[in-house]
Amino acid sequence: MLGFLVGAEIERARLENENEELSDRLETRIAVDRAKGILQRDLGIGEEEAYRMMQRESRQRRKSMREIAEAILLSEEFRKSRPAAEERPAKQPAV
């Protein structure tokens, strides 16, 4: 009976680990796909070229594809939020 319980616990731990790994891979793929779309739109390039560009940056900078994708996504968010900040009126000095 004890052996069965230990075996079941080992299998549960293995499945949890596999689930976490698959979840991480999915998040990476989503980020890479979104970043490819941004590069395609901004640079007027194809999907394959955008992917190769990200791969090249990943190798040259010794960063994962996910880190490269997240940097592109962060840059896009910053760019989108910047015009809103520029539209706000500047504070007038107190007289």
PDB file of N, CA and C in Angstrom:
ATOM      1  N   MET A   1       0.823  -1.190   0.000  1.00  0.00           N
ATOM      2  CA  MET A   1       0.000   0.000   0.000  1.00  0.00           C
ATOM      3  C   MET A   1       0.873   1.262   0.000  1.00  0.00           C
ATOM      4  N   LEU A   2       1.921   1.244   0.832  1.00  0.00           N
ATOM      5  CA  LEU A   2       2.808   2.403   0.923  1.00  0.00           C
ATOM      6  C   LEU A   2       3.506   2.662  -0.412  1.00  0.00           C
ATOM      7  N   GLY A   3       3.915   1.597  -1.061  1.00  0.00           N
ATOM      8  CA  GLY A   3       4.566   1.725  -2.371  1.00  0.00           C
ATOM      9  C   GLY A   3       3.642   2.344  -3.398  1.00  0.00           C
ATOM     10  N   PHE A   4       2.378   1.986  -3.352  1.00  0.00           N
ATOM     11  CA  PHE A   4       1.386   2.551  -4.271  1.00  0.00           C
ATOM     12  C   PHE A   4       1.238   4.052  -4.040  1.00  0.00           C
ATOM     13  N   LEU A   5       1.162   4.456  -2.771  1.00  0.00           N
ATOM     14  CA  LEU A   5       1.013   5.877  -2.438  1.00  0.00           C
ATOM     15  C   LEU A   5       2.236   6.689  -2.857  1.00  0.00           C
ATOM     16  N   VAL A   6       3.407   6.124  -2.620  1.00  0.00           N
ATOM     17  CA  VAL A   6       4.648   6.807  -3.011  1.00  0.00           C
ATOM     18  C   VAL A   6       4.704   6.937  -4.532  1.00  0.00           C
ATOM     19  N   GLY A   7       4.346   5.867  -5.232  1.00  0.00           N
ATOM     20  CA  GLY A   7       4.343   5.905  -6.698  1.00  0.00           C
ATOM     21  C   GLY A   7       3.360   6.935  -7.230  1.00  0.00           C
ATOM     22  N   ALA A   8       2.192   7.003  -6.605  1.00  0.00           N
ATOM     23  CA  ALA A   8       1.174   7.986  -7.020  1.00  0.00           C
ATOM     24  C   ALA A   8       1.677   9.405  -6.783  1.00  0.00           C
ATOM     25  N   GLU A   9       2.346   9.619  -5.674  1.00  0.00           N
ATOM     26  CA  GLU A   9       2.873  10.963  -5.359  1.00  0.00           C
ATOM     27  C   GLU A   9       3.979  11.362  -6.343  1.00  0.00           C
ATOM     28  N   ILE A  10       4.822  10.424  -6.702  1.00  0.00           N
ATOM     29  CA  ILE A  10       5.885  10.690  -7.682  1.00  0.00           C
ATOM     30  C   ILE A  10       5.265  11.050  -9.028  1.00  0.00           C
ATOM     31  N   GLU A  11       4.248  10.309  -9.430  1.00  0.00           N
ATOM     32  CA  GLU A  11       3.566  10.586 -10.702  1.00  0.00           C
ATOM     33  C   GLU A  11       2.886  11.959 -10.669  1.00  0.00           C
ATOM     34  N   ARG A  12       2.270  12.307  -9.537  1.00  0.00           N
ATOM     35  CA  ARG A  12       1.628  13.618  -9.402  1.00  0.00           C
ATOM     36  C   ARG A  12       2.664  14.736  -9.536  1.00  0.00           C
ATOM     37  N   ALA A  13       3.806  14.577  -8.895  1.00  0.00           N
ATOM     38  CA  ALA A  13       4.866  15.576  -8.970  1.00  0.00           C
ATOM     39  C   ALA A  13       5.385  15.699 -10.404  1.00  0.00           C
ATOM     40  N   ARG A  14       5.526  14.573 -11.092  1.00  0.00           N
ATOM     41  CA  ARG A  14       5.987  14.594 -12.475  1.00  0.00           C
ATOM     42  C   ARG A  14       4.994  15.333 -13.361  1.00  0.00           C
ATOM     43  N   LEU A  15       3.706  15.056 -13.156  1.00  0.00           N
ATOM     44  CA  LEU A  15       2.677  15.722 -13.960  1.00  0.00           C
ATOM     45  C   LEU A  15       2.617  17.221 -13.676  1.00  0.00           C
ATOM     46  N   GLU A  16       2.789  17.611 -12.419  1.00  0.00           N
ATOM     47  CA  GLU A  16       2.818  19.042 -12.078  1.00  0.00           C
ATOM     48  C   GLU A  16       3.987  19.728 -12.773  1.00  0.00           C
ATOM     49  N   ASN A  17       5.140  19.075 -12.759  1.00  0.00           N
ATOM     50  CA  ASN A  17       6.326  19.626 -13.400  1.00  0.00           C
ATOM     51  C   ASN A  17       6.111  19.763 -14.906  1.00  0.00           C
ATOM     52  N   GLU A  18       5.527  18.749 -15.515  1.00  0.00           N
ATOM     53  CA  GLU A  18       5.253  18.777 -16.949  1.00  0.00           C
ATOM     54  C   GLU A  18       4.248  19.877 -17.285  1.00  0.00           C
ATOM     55  N   ASN A  19       3.236  20.026 -16.448  1.00  0.00           N
ATOM     56  CA  ASN A  19       2.230  21.059 -16.650  1.00  0.00           C
ATOM     57  C   ASN A  19       2.860  22.455 -16.584  1.00  0.00           C
ATOM     58  N   GLU A  20       3.738  22.664 -15.618  1.00  0.00           N
ATOM     59  CA  GLU A  20       4.420  23.951 -15.478  1.00  0.00           C
ATOM     60  C   GLU A  20       5.303  24.238 -16.697  1.00  0.00           C
ATOM     61  N   GLU A  21       6.001  23.222 -17.170  1.00  0.00           N
ATOM     62  CA  GLU A  21       6.862  23.383 -18.338  1.00  0.00           C
ATOM     63  C   GLU A  21       6.051  23.728 -19.588  1.00  0.00           C
ATOM     64  N   LEU A  22       4.926  23.036 -19.772  1.00  0.00           N
ATOM     65  CA  LEU A  22       4.073  23.317 -20.927  1.00  0.00           C
ATOM     66  C   LEU A  22       3.468  24.715 -20.847  1.00  0.00           C
ATOM     67  N   SER A  23       3.098  25.118 -19.662  1.00  0.00           N
ATOM     68  CA  SER A  23       2.558  26.458 -19.454  1.00  0.00           C
ATOM     69  C   SER A  23       3.597  27.517 -19.809  1.00  0.00           C
ATOM     70  N   ASP A  24       4.825  27.292 -19.389  1.00  0.00           N
ATOM     71  CA  ASP A  24       5.914  28.221 -19.681  1.00  0.00           C
ATOM     72  C   ASP A  24       6.174  28.295 -21.185  1.00  0.00           C
ATOM     73  N   ARG A  25       6.156  27.138 -21.848  1.00  0.00           N
ATOM     74  CA  ARG A  25       6.372  27.115 -23.304  1.00  0.00           C
ATOM     75  C   ARG A  25       5.257  27.848 -24.035  1.00  0.00           C
ATOM     76  N   LEU A  26       4.026  27.706 -23.564  1.00  0.00           N
ATOM     77  CA  LEU A  26       2.897  28.395 -24.178  1.00  0.00           C
ATOM     78  C   LEU A  26       3.033  29.911 -24.018  1.00  0.00           C
ATOM     79  N   GLU A  27       3.400  30.355 -22.822  1.00  0.00           N
ATOM     80  CA  GLU A  27       3.585  31.790 -22.584  1.00  0.00           C
ATOM     81  C   GLU A  27       4.694  32.343 -23.479  1.00  0.00           C
ATOM     82  N   THR A  28       5.765  31.574 -23.647  1.00  0.00           N
ATOM     83  CA  THR A  28       6.864  31.996 -24.519  1.00  0.00           C
ATOM     84  C   THR A  28       6.377  32.118 -25.954  1.00  0.00           C
ATOM     85  N   ARG A  29       5.634  31.129 -26.400  1.00  0.00           N
ATOM     86  CA  ARG A  29       5.139  31.143 -27.784  1.00  0.00           C
ATOM     87  C   ARG A  29       4.208  32.327 -28.025  1.00  0.00           C
ATOM     88  N   ILE A  30       3.348  32.616 -27.067  1.00  0.00           N
ATOM     89  CA  ILE A  30       2.433  33.755 -27.199  1.00  0.00           C
ATOM     90  C   ILE A  30       3.228  35.057 -27.302  1.00  0.00           C
ATOM     91  N   ALA A  31       4.222  35.220 -26.439  1.00  0.00           N
ATOM     92  CA  ALA A  31       5.037  36.440 -26.449  1.00  0.00           C
ATOM     93  C   ALA A  31       5.794  36.568 -27.772  1.00  0.00           C
ATOM     94  N   VAL A  32       6.376  35.468 -28.251  1.00  0.00           N
ATOM     95  CA  VAL A  32       7.132  35.487 -29.508  1.00  0.00           C
ATOM     96  C   VAL A  32       6.207  35.834 -30.674  1.00  0.00           C
ATOM     97  N   ASP A  33       5.023  35.245 -30.698  1.00  0.00           N
ATOM     98  CA  ASP A  33       4.077  35.537 -31.781  1.00  0.00           C
ATOM     99  C   ASP A  33       3.638  37.002 -31.774  1.00  0.00           C
ATOM    100  N   ARG A  34       3.368  37.538 -30.611  1.00  0.00           N
ATOM    101  CA  ARG A  34       2.974  38.947 -30.523  1.00  0.00           C
ATOM    102  C   ARG A  34       4.126  39.854 -30.962  1.00  0.00           C
ATOM    103  N   ALA A  35       5.341  39.526 -30.536  1.00  0.00           N
ATOM    104  CA  ALA A  35       6.503  40.332 -30.909  1.00  0.00           C
ATOM    105  C   ALA A  35       6.759  40.258 -32.415  1.00  0.00           C
ATOM    106  N   LYS A  36       6.587  39.070 -33.002  1.00  0.00           N
ATOM    107  CA  LYS A  36       6.740  38.935 -34.456  1.00  0.00           C
ATOM    108  C   LYS A  36       5.752  39.846 -35.171  1.00  0.00           C
ATOM    109  N   GLY A  37       4.531  39.887 -34.687  1.00  0.00           N
ATOM    110  CA  GLY A  37       3.516  40.749 -35.293  1.00  0.00           C
ATOM    111  C   GLY A  37       3.907  42.211 -35.252  1.00  0.00           C
ATOM    112  N   ILE A  38       4.485  42.637 -34.153  1.00  0.00           N
ATOM    113  CA  ILE A  38       4.926  44.031 -34.021  1.00  0.00           C
ATOM    114  C   ILE A  38       6.041  44.320 -35.020  1.00  0.00           C
ATOM    115  N   LEU A  39       7.018  43.405 -35.108  1.00  0.00           N
ATOM    116  CA  LEU A  39       8.124  43.598 -36.053  1.00  0.00           C
ATOM    117  C   LEU A  39       7.614  43.619 -37.490  1.00  0.00           C
ATOM    118  N   GLN A  40       6.691  42.718 -37.803  1.00  0.00           N
ATOM    119  CA  GLN A  40       6.135  42.677 -39.150  1.00  0.00           C
ATOM    120  C   GLN A  40       5.470  44.007 -39.492  1.00  0.00           C
ATOM    121  N   ARG A  41       4.662  44.506 -38.588  1.00  0.00           N
ATOM    122  CA  ARG A  41       3.950  45.756 -38.819  1.00  0.00           C
ATOM    123  C   ARG A  41       4.915  46.951 -38.928  1.00  0.00           C
ATOM    124  N   ASP A  42       5.822  47.052 -37.978  1.00  0.00           N
ATOM    125  CA  ASP A  42       6.703  48.217 -37.921  1.00  0.00           C
ATOM    126  C   ASP A  42       7.780  48.222 -38.996  1.00  0.00           C
ATOM    127  N   LEU A  43       8.280  47.038 -39.353  1.00  0.00           N
ATOM    128  CA  LEU A  43       9.386  46.975 -40.309  1.00  0.00           C
ATOM    129  C   LEU A  43       8.938  46.548 -41.703  1.00  0.00           C
ATOM    130  N   GLY A  44       7.680  46.169 -41.839  1.00  0.00           N
ATOM    131  CA  GLY A  44       7.168  45.742 -43.141  1.00  0.00           C
ATOM    132  C   GLY A  44       7.849  44.493 -43.653  1.00  0.00           C
ATOM    133  N   ILE A  45       8.053  43.529 -42.763  1.00  0.00           N
ATOM    134  CA  ILE A  45       8.724  42.288 -43.136  1.00  0.00           C
ATOM    135  C   ILE A  45       7.772  41.118 -42.939  1.00  0.00           C
ATOM    136  N   GLY A  46       8.165  39.954 -43.438  1.00  0.00           N
ATOM    137  CA  GLY A  46       7.355  38.752 -43.306  1.00  0.00           C
ATOM    138  C   GLY A  46       7.551  38.082 -41.957  1.00  0.00           C
ATOM    139  N   GLU A  47       6.677  37.119 -41.686  1.00  0.00           N
ATOM    140  CA  GLU A  47       6.717  36.407 -40.406  1.00  0.00           C
ATOM    141  C   GLU A  47       8.033  35.662 -40.209  1.00  0.00           C
ATOM    142  N   GLU A  48       8.479  34.982 -41.259  1.00  0.00           N
ATOM    143  CA  GLU A  48       9.726  34.222 -41.163  1.00  0.00           C
ATOM    144  C   GLU A  48      10.924  35.134 -40.897  1.00  0.00           C
ATOM    145  N   GLU A  49      10.965  36.262 -41.590  1.00  0.00           N
ATOM    146  CA  GLU A  49      12.064  37.206 -41.399  1.00  0.00           C
ATOM    147  C   GLU A  49      12.044  37.796 -39.984  1.00  0.00           C
ATOM    148  N   ALA A  50      10.858  38.094 -39.481  1.00  0.00           N
ATOM    149  CA  ALA A  50      10.739  38.618 -38.117  1.00  0.00           C
ATOM    150  C   ALA A  50      11.258  37.594 -37.109  1.00  0.00           C
ATOM    151  N   TYR A  51      10.910  36.332 -37.322  1.00  0.00           N
ATOM    152  CA  TYR A  51      11.368  35.273 -36.425  1.00  0.00           C
ATOM    153  C   TYR A  51      12.888  35.133 -36.475  1.00  0.00           C
ATOM    154  N   ARG A  52      13.438  35.137 -37.701  1.00  0.00           N
ATOM    155  CA  ARG A  52      14.900  35.030 -37.841  1.00  0.00           C
ATOM    156  C   ARG A  52      15.611  36.215 -37.196  1.00  0.00           C
ATOM    157  N   MET A  53      15.023  37.388 -37.317  1.00  0.00           N
ATOM    158  CA  MET A  53      15.613  38.574 -36.701  1.00  0.00           C
ATOM    159  C   MET A  53      15.660  38.416 -35.175  1.00  0.00           C
ATOM    160  N   MET A  54      14.585  37.895 -34.616  1.00  0.00           N
ATOM    161  CA  MET A  54      14.551  37.677 -33.167  1.00  0.00           C
ATOM    162  C   MET A  54      15.552  36.589 -32.759  1.00  0.00           C
ATOM    163  N   GLN A  55      15.667  35.539 -33.562  1.00  0.00           N
ATOM    164  CA  GLN A  55      16.649  34.481 -33.285  1.00  0.00           C
ATOM    165  C   GLN A  55      18.067  35.034 -33.276  1.00  0.00           C
ATOM    166  N   ARG A  56      18.356  35.870 -34.273  1.00  0.00           N
ATOM    167  CA  ARG A  56      19.695  36.459 -34.383  1.00  0.00           C
ATOM    168  C   ARG A  56      19.997  37.314 -33.151  1.00  0.00           C
ATOM    169  N   GLU A  57      19.047  38.135 -32.749  1.00  0.00           N
ATOM    170  CA  GLU A  57      19.238  38.974 -31.558  1.00  0.00           C
ATOM    171  C   GLU A  57      19.417  38.107 -30.313  1.00  0.00           C
ATOM    172  N   SER A  58      18.657  37.027 -30.250  1.00  0.00           N
ATOM    173  CA  SER A  58      18.754  36.115 -29.114  1.00  0.00           C
ATOM    174  C   SER A  58      20.159  35.536 -28.996  1.00  0.00           C
ATOM    175  N   ARG A  59      20.705  35.107 -30.118  1.00  0.00           N
ATOM    176  CA  ARG A  59      22.064  34.538 -30.110  1.00  0.00           C
ATOM    177  C   ARG A  59      23.105  35.601 -29.801  1.00  0.00           C
ATOM    178  N   GLN A  60      23.008  36.755 -30.464  1.00  0.00           N
ATOM    179  CA  GLN A  60      24.024  37.790 -30.293  1.00  0.00           C
ATOM    180  C   GLN A  60      24.050  38.354 -28.877  1.00  0.00           C
ATOM    181  N   ARG A  61      22.889  38.499 -28.283  1.00  0.00           N
ATOM    182  CA  ARG A  61      22.807  39.080 -26.937  1.00  0.00           C
ATOM    183  C   ARG A  61      22.833  38.028 -25.829  1.00  0.00           C
ATOM    184  N   ARG A  62      22.845  36.759 -26.246  1.00  0.00           N
ATOM    185  CA  ARG A  62      22.826  35.645 -25.289  1.00  0.00           C
ATOM    186  C   ARG A  62      21.621  35.751 -24.348  1.00  0.00           C
ATOM    187  N   LYS A  63      20.485  36.003 -24.946  1.00  0.00           N
ATOM    188  CA  LYS A  63      19.214  36.087 -24.227  1.00  0.00           C
ATOM    189  C   LYS A  63      18.257  35.081 -24.841  1.00  0.00           C
ATOM    190  N   SER A  64      17.292  34.641 -24.070  1.00  0.00           N
ATOM    191  CA  SER A  64      16.308  33.700 -24.603  1.00  0.00           C
ATOM    192  C   SER A  64      15.372  34.420 -25.571  1.00  0.00           C
ATOM    193  N   MET A  65      14.718  33.640 -26.407  1.00  0.00           N
ATOM    194  CA  MET A  65      13.733  34.220 -27.334  1.00  0.00           C
ATOM    195  C   MET A  65      12.637  34.923 -26.549  1.00  0.00           C
ATOM    196  N   ARG A  66      12.278  34.366 -25.417  1.00  0.00           N
ATOM    197  CA  ARG A  66      11.234  34.996 -24.596  1.00  0.00           C
ATOM    198  C   ARG A  66      11.686  36.365 -24.099  1.00  0.00           C
ATOM    199  N   GLU A  67      12.933  36.491 -23.674  1.00  0.00           N
ATOM    200  CA  GLU A  67      13.440  37.778 -23.203  1.00  0.00           C
ATOM    201  C   GLU A  67      13.446  38.807 -24.333  1.00  0.00           C
ATOM    202  N   ILE A  68      13.833  38.385 -25.533  1.00  0.00           N
ATOM    203  CA  ILE A  68      13.818  39.282 -26.685  1.00  0.00           C
ATOM    204  C   ILE A  68      12.389  39.713 -26.987  1.00  0.00           C
ATOM    205  N   ALA A  69      11.471  38.754 -26.995  1.00  0.00           N
ATOM    206  CA  ALA A  69      10.062  39.054 -27.273  1.00  0.00           C
ATOM    207  C   ALA A  69       9.497  40.004 -26.226  1.00  0.00           C
ATOM    208  N   GLU A  70       9.798  39.764 -24.958  1.00  0.00           N
ATOM    209  CA  GLU A  70       9.283  40.621 -23.897  1.00  0.00           C
ATOM    210  C   GLU A  70       9.842  42.037 -24.008  1.00  0.00           C
ATOM    211  N   ALA A  71      11.085  42.171 -24.462  1.00  0.00           N
ATOM    212  CA  ALA A  71      11.668  43.501 -24.663  1.00  0.00           C
ATOM    213  C   ALA A  71      10.930  44.244 -25.778  1.00  0.00           C
ATOM    214  N   ILE A  72      10.602  43.541 -26.850  1.00  0.00           N
ATOM    215  CA  ILE A  72       9.858  44.152 -27.954  1.00  0.00           C
ATOM    216  C   ILE A  72       8.472  44.567 -27.480  1.00  0.00           C
ATOM    217  N   LEU A  73       7.816  43.703 -26.720  1.00  0.00           N
ATOM    218  CA  LEU A  73       6.478  44.011 -26.208  1.00  0.00           C
ATOM    219  C   LEU A  73       6.508  45.191 -25.241  1.00  0.00           C
ATOM    220  N   LEU A  74       7.516  45.250 -24.403  1.00  0.00           N
ATOM    221  CA  LEU A  74       7.651  46.368 -23.469  1.00  0.00           C
ATOM    222  C   LEU A  74       7.871  47.669 -24.222  1.00  0.00           C
ATOM    223  N   SER A  75       8.700  47.626 -25.250  1.00  0.00           N
ATOM    224  CA  SER A  75       8.949  48.806 -26.071  1.00  0.00           C
ATOM    225  C   SER A  75       7.658  49.292 -26.721  1.00  0.00           C
ATOM    226  N   GLU A  76       6.852  48.354 -27.199  1.00  0.00           N
ATOM    227  CA  GLU A  76       5.566  48.697 -27.816  1.00  0.00           C
ATOM    228  C   GLU A  76       4.633  49.345 -26.800  1.00  0.00           C
ATOM    229  N   GLU A  77       4.578  48.805 -25.597  1.00  0.00           N
ATOM    230  CA  GLU A  77       3.735  49.385 -24.547  1.00  0.00           C
ATOM    231  C   GLU A  77       4.197  50.797 -24.213  1.00  0.00           C
ATOM    232  N   PHE A  78       5.499  50.983 -24.120  1.00  0.00           N
ATOM    233  CA  PHE A  78       6.048  52.297 -23.808  1.00  0.00           C
ATOM    234  C   PHE A  78       5.697  53.295 -24.911  1.00  0.00           C
ATOM    235  N   ARG A  79       5.829  52.845 -26.149  1.00  0.00           N
ATOM    236  CA  ARG A  79       5.540  53.712 -27.288  1.00  0.00           C
ATOM    237  C   ARG A  79       4.065  54.119 -27.303  1.00  0.00           C
ATOM    238  N   LYS A  80       3.189  53.180 -26.967  1.00  0.00           N
ATOM    239  CA  LYS A  80       1.760  53.478 -26.951  1.00  0.00           C
ATOM    240  C   LYS A  80       1.385  54.427 -25.825  1.00  0.00           C
ATOM    241  N   SER A  81       2.052  54.320 -24.691  1.00  0.00           N
ATOM    242  CA  SER A  81       1.715  55.165 -23.550  1.00  0.00           C
ATOM    243  C   SER A  81       2.337  56.547 -23.657  1.00  0.00           C
ATOM    244  N   ARG A  82       3.361  56.691 -24.460  1.00  0.00           N
ATOM    245  CA  ARG A  82       4.057  57.970 -24.567  1.00  0.00           C
ATOM    246  C   ARG A  82       3.199  59.086 -25.156  1.00  0.00           C
ATOM    247  N   PRO A  83       2.472  58.879 -26.252  1.00  0.00           N
ATOM    248  CA  PRO A  83       1.652  59.976 -26.785  1.00  0.00           C
ATOM    249  C   PRO A  83       0.633  60.482 -25.775  1.00  0.00           C
ATOM    250  N   ALA A  84       0.086  59.589 -24.960  1.00  0.00           N
ATOM    251  CA  ALA A  84      -0.873  60.017 -23.948  1.00  0.00           C
ATOM    252  C   ALA A  84      -0.202  60.938 -22.941  1.00  0.00           C
ATOM    253  N   ALA A  85       1.040  60.652 -22.596  1.00  0.00           N
ATOM    254  CA  ALA A  85       1.761  61.495 -21.645  1.00  0.00           C
ATOM    255  C   ALA A  85       2.098  62.843 -22.272  1.00  0.00           C
ATOM    256  N   GLU A  86       2.386  62.860 -23.575  1.00  0.00           N
ATOM    257  CA  GLU A  86       2.734  64.113 -24.235  1.00  0.00           C
ATOM    258  C   GLU A  86       1.528  65.022 -24.429  1.00  0.00           C
ATOM    259  N   GLU A  87       0.314  64.449 -24.462  1.00  0.00           N
ATOM    260  CA  GLU A  87      -0.885  65.239 -24.659  1.00  0.00           C
ATOM    261  C   GLU A  87      -1.311  65.978 -23.405  1.00  0.00           C
ATOM    262  N   ARG A  88      -0.875  65.531 -22.243  1.00  0.00           N
ATOM    263  CA  ARG A  88      -1.261  66.192 -21.004  1.00  0.00           C
ATOM    264  C   ARG A  88      -0.629  67.584 -20.956  1.00  0.00           C
ATOM    265  N   PRO A  89      -1.392  68.557 -20.492  1.00  0.00           N
ATOM    266  CA  PRO A  89      -0.811  69.900 -20.402  1.00  0.00           C
ATOM    267  C   PRO A  89       0.271  69.955 -19.323  1.00  0.00           C
ATOM    268  N   ALA A  90       1.291  70.726 -19.598  1.00  0.00           N
ATOM    269  CA  ALA A  90       2.372  70.890 -18.635  1.00  0.00           C
ATOM    270  C   ALA A  90       1.868  71.728 -17.476  1.00  0.00           C
ATOM    271  N   LYS A  91       2.390  71.456 -16.277  1.00  0.00           N
ATOM    272  CA  LYS A  91       1.996  72.218 -15.108  1.00  0.00           C
ATOM    273  C   LYS A  91       2.531  73.634 -15.240  1.00  0.00           C
ATOM    274  N   GLN A  92       1.677  74.573 -14.930  1.00  0.00           N
ATOM    275  CA  GLN A  92       2.089  75.978 -14.948  1.00  0.00           C
ATOM    276  C   GLN A  92       2.723  76.320 -13.614  1.00  0.00           C
ATOM    277  N   PRO A  93       3.806  77.096 -13.627  1.00  0.00           N
ATOM    278  CA  PRO A  93       4.433  77.471 -12.360  1.00  0.00           C
ATOM    279  C   PRO A  93       3.486  78.376 -11.562  1.00  0.00           C
ATOM    280  N   ALA A  94       3.511  78.183 -10.252  1.00  0.00           N
ATOM    281  CA  ALA A  94       2.663  78.996  -9.370  1.00  0.00           C
ATOM    282  C   ALA A  94       3.154  80.432  -9.354  1.00  0.00           C
ATOM    283  N   VAL A  95       2.200  81.363  -9.404  1.00  0.00           N
ATOM    284  CA  VAL A  95       2.568  82.775  -9.424  1.00  0.00           C
ATOM    285  C   VAL A  95       2.274  83.419  -8.111  1.00  0.00           C
TER     286      VAL A  95
END
